[in-house]
Protein backbone atom coordinates (compact mmCIF):
# COMPACT_ATOMS: atom_id res chain seq x y z
CA MET A 1 -3.62 -5.84 -7.43
CA THR A 2 -6.69 -7.91 -7.41
CA VAL A 3 -8.18 -9.65 -4.23
CA SER A 4 -9.06 -12.93 -3.52
CA ARG A 5 -12.46 -14.37 -3.79
CA LYS A 6 -12.78 -15.08 0.06
CA THR A 7 -11.82 -10.99 0.45
CA ALA A 8 -13.71 -9.86 -2.46
CA GLN A 9 -16.78 -11.68 -0.75
CA LYS A 10 -16.48 -9.71 3.01
CA LEU A 11 -15.77 -6.38 0.57
CA LEU A 12 -19.12 -6.67 -0.86
CA TYR A 13 -20.89 -8.05 1.88
CA ASP A 14 -19.63 -4.77 3.79
CA PHE A 15 -20.56 -2.86 1.13
CA MET A 16 -24.51 -4.65 0.93
CA PHE A 17 -25.24 -5.36 4.69
CA GLU A 18 -23.15 -2.74 6.10
CA SER A 19 -20.81 -4.81 8.10
CA GLU A 20 -24.19 -7.35 9.43
CA GLY A 21 -24.36 -10.49 8.17
CA ALA A 22 -26.63 -11.29 5.02
CA GLN A 23 -29.06 -13.03 7.25
CA GLU A 24 -29.14 -10.47 10.04
CA TRP A 25 -29.88 -7.65 7.41
CA VAL A 26 -32.54 -9.95 5.55
CA GLU A 27 -34.11 -10.17 9.06
CA ASP A 28 -34.16 -6.29 10.02
CA VAL A 29 -35.49 -5.98 6.45
CA TRP A 30 -38.32 -8.55 6.78
CA GLY A 31 -39.10 -7.17 9.96
CA LEU A 32 -40.03 -3.89 8.66
CA SER A 33 -41.77 -4.72 5.87
CA PRO A 34 -42.28 -9.04 4.74
CA PHE A 35 -42.56 -7.77 0.81
CA LEU A 36 -38.89 -5.77 1.07
CA GLY A 37 -37.98 -9.04 3.34
CA GLN A 38 -38.24 -11.25 0.72
CA SER A 39 -36.92 -8.68 -2.02
CA ALA A 40 -33.95 -8.64 0.98
CA ALA A 41 -33.53 -12.35 1.25
CA ASN A 42 -33.30 -12.46 -2.85
CA ALA A 43 -30.77 -10.07 -2.91
CA ALA A 44 -28.50 -11.85 -0.63
CA GLU A 45 -29.30 -15.38 -2.26
CA VAL A 46 -27.82 -13.71 -5.81
CA LEU A 47 -24.64 -12.11 -4.36
CA GLY A 48 -24.01 -15.81 -3.04
CA ALA A 49 -24.72 -17.57 -6.29
CA LEU A 50 -22.46 -15.14 -8.22
CA MET A 51 -19.98 -15.29 -5.58
CA GLU A 52 -19.83 -18.81 -6.10
CA THR A 53 -19.71 -19.07 -10.04
CA CYS A 54 -18.29 -15.95 -10.86
CA SER A 55 -14.33 -16.03 -11.15
CA GLU A 56 -12.08 -13.67 -9.69
CA GLU A 57 -11.18 -11.97 -12.77
CA GLN A 58 -14.89 -10.90 -12.76
CA ILE A 59 -15.64 -10.31 -9.32
CA ASN A 60 -12.53 -7.61 -9.18
CA ALA A 61 -14.10 -6.03 -11.98
CA VAL A 62 -17.20 -5.71 -10.20
CA LEU A 63 -15.22 -4.47 -6.89
CA ALA A 64 -13.42 -2.05 -9.53
CA ASN A 65 -16.52 -0.70 -10.94
CA LEU A 66 -18.30 -0.27 -7.56
CA TYR A 67 -15.47 1.45 -5.83
CA ALA A 68 -15.05 4.18 -9.22
CA ALA A 69 -19.12 4.88 -8.62
CA HIS A 70 -18.86 4.64 -4.54
CA LYS A 71 -15.71 6.03 -3.49
CA ASP A 72 -17.16 8.19 -0.99
CA THR A 73 -19.62 5.64 1.22
CA ILE A 74 -16.36 2.74 0.36
CA SER A 75 -14.13 5.25 2.53
CA GLU A 76 -16.69 5.01 5.39
CA LEU A 77 -16.57 1.36 5.78
CA GLY A 78 -14.82 -0.55 8.33
CA SER A 79 -13.23 -2.71 5.31
CA ALA A 80 -12.23 0.86 3.54
CA SER A 81 -8.37 0.00 4.01
CA GLU A 82 -8.69 -3.72 1.81
CA TRP A 83 -10.62 -2.12 -1.14
CA ARG A 84 -7.36 -2.64 -3.16
CA VAL A 85 -8.98 -3.10 -6.90
CA PRO A 86 -7.03 -2.60 -9.86
CA ILE A 87 -8.34 0.95 -11.30
CA ASP A 88 -7.18 2.48 -14.42
CA PRO A 89 -7.53 6.36 -13.94
CA LYS A 90 -7.31 6.63 -17.75
CA PRO A 91 -10.34 6.39 -20.06
CA GLU A 92 -9.80 4.08 -22.90
CA GLU A 93 -9.50 6.34 -26.17
CA TYR A 94 -12.52 5.67 -28.96
CA GLU A 95 -11.39 4.19 -32.00
CA GLY A 96 -14.55 5.00 -33.86
């Protein structure tokens, strides 16, 4: 099952910003360190640009990869039950 762009954005923001809005997260980081705050602002801006330009298929591939790599972290998120991404449990066979 794939998820819509809107749902994917919600899931990615929950994963990256721990249920806070991106702006709140950037402000929190900025309060700790202006240098890191600028990096946080850049990360939030890049995520927003990627969400606008990537196809739903590409976004779902990112979700699948993140889910496979971070199942434990994702299981603790408020959006855990919404992480319905297409995951192929069988590794591709090497045709060398």
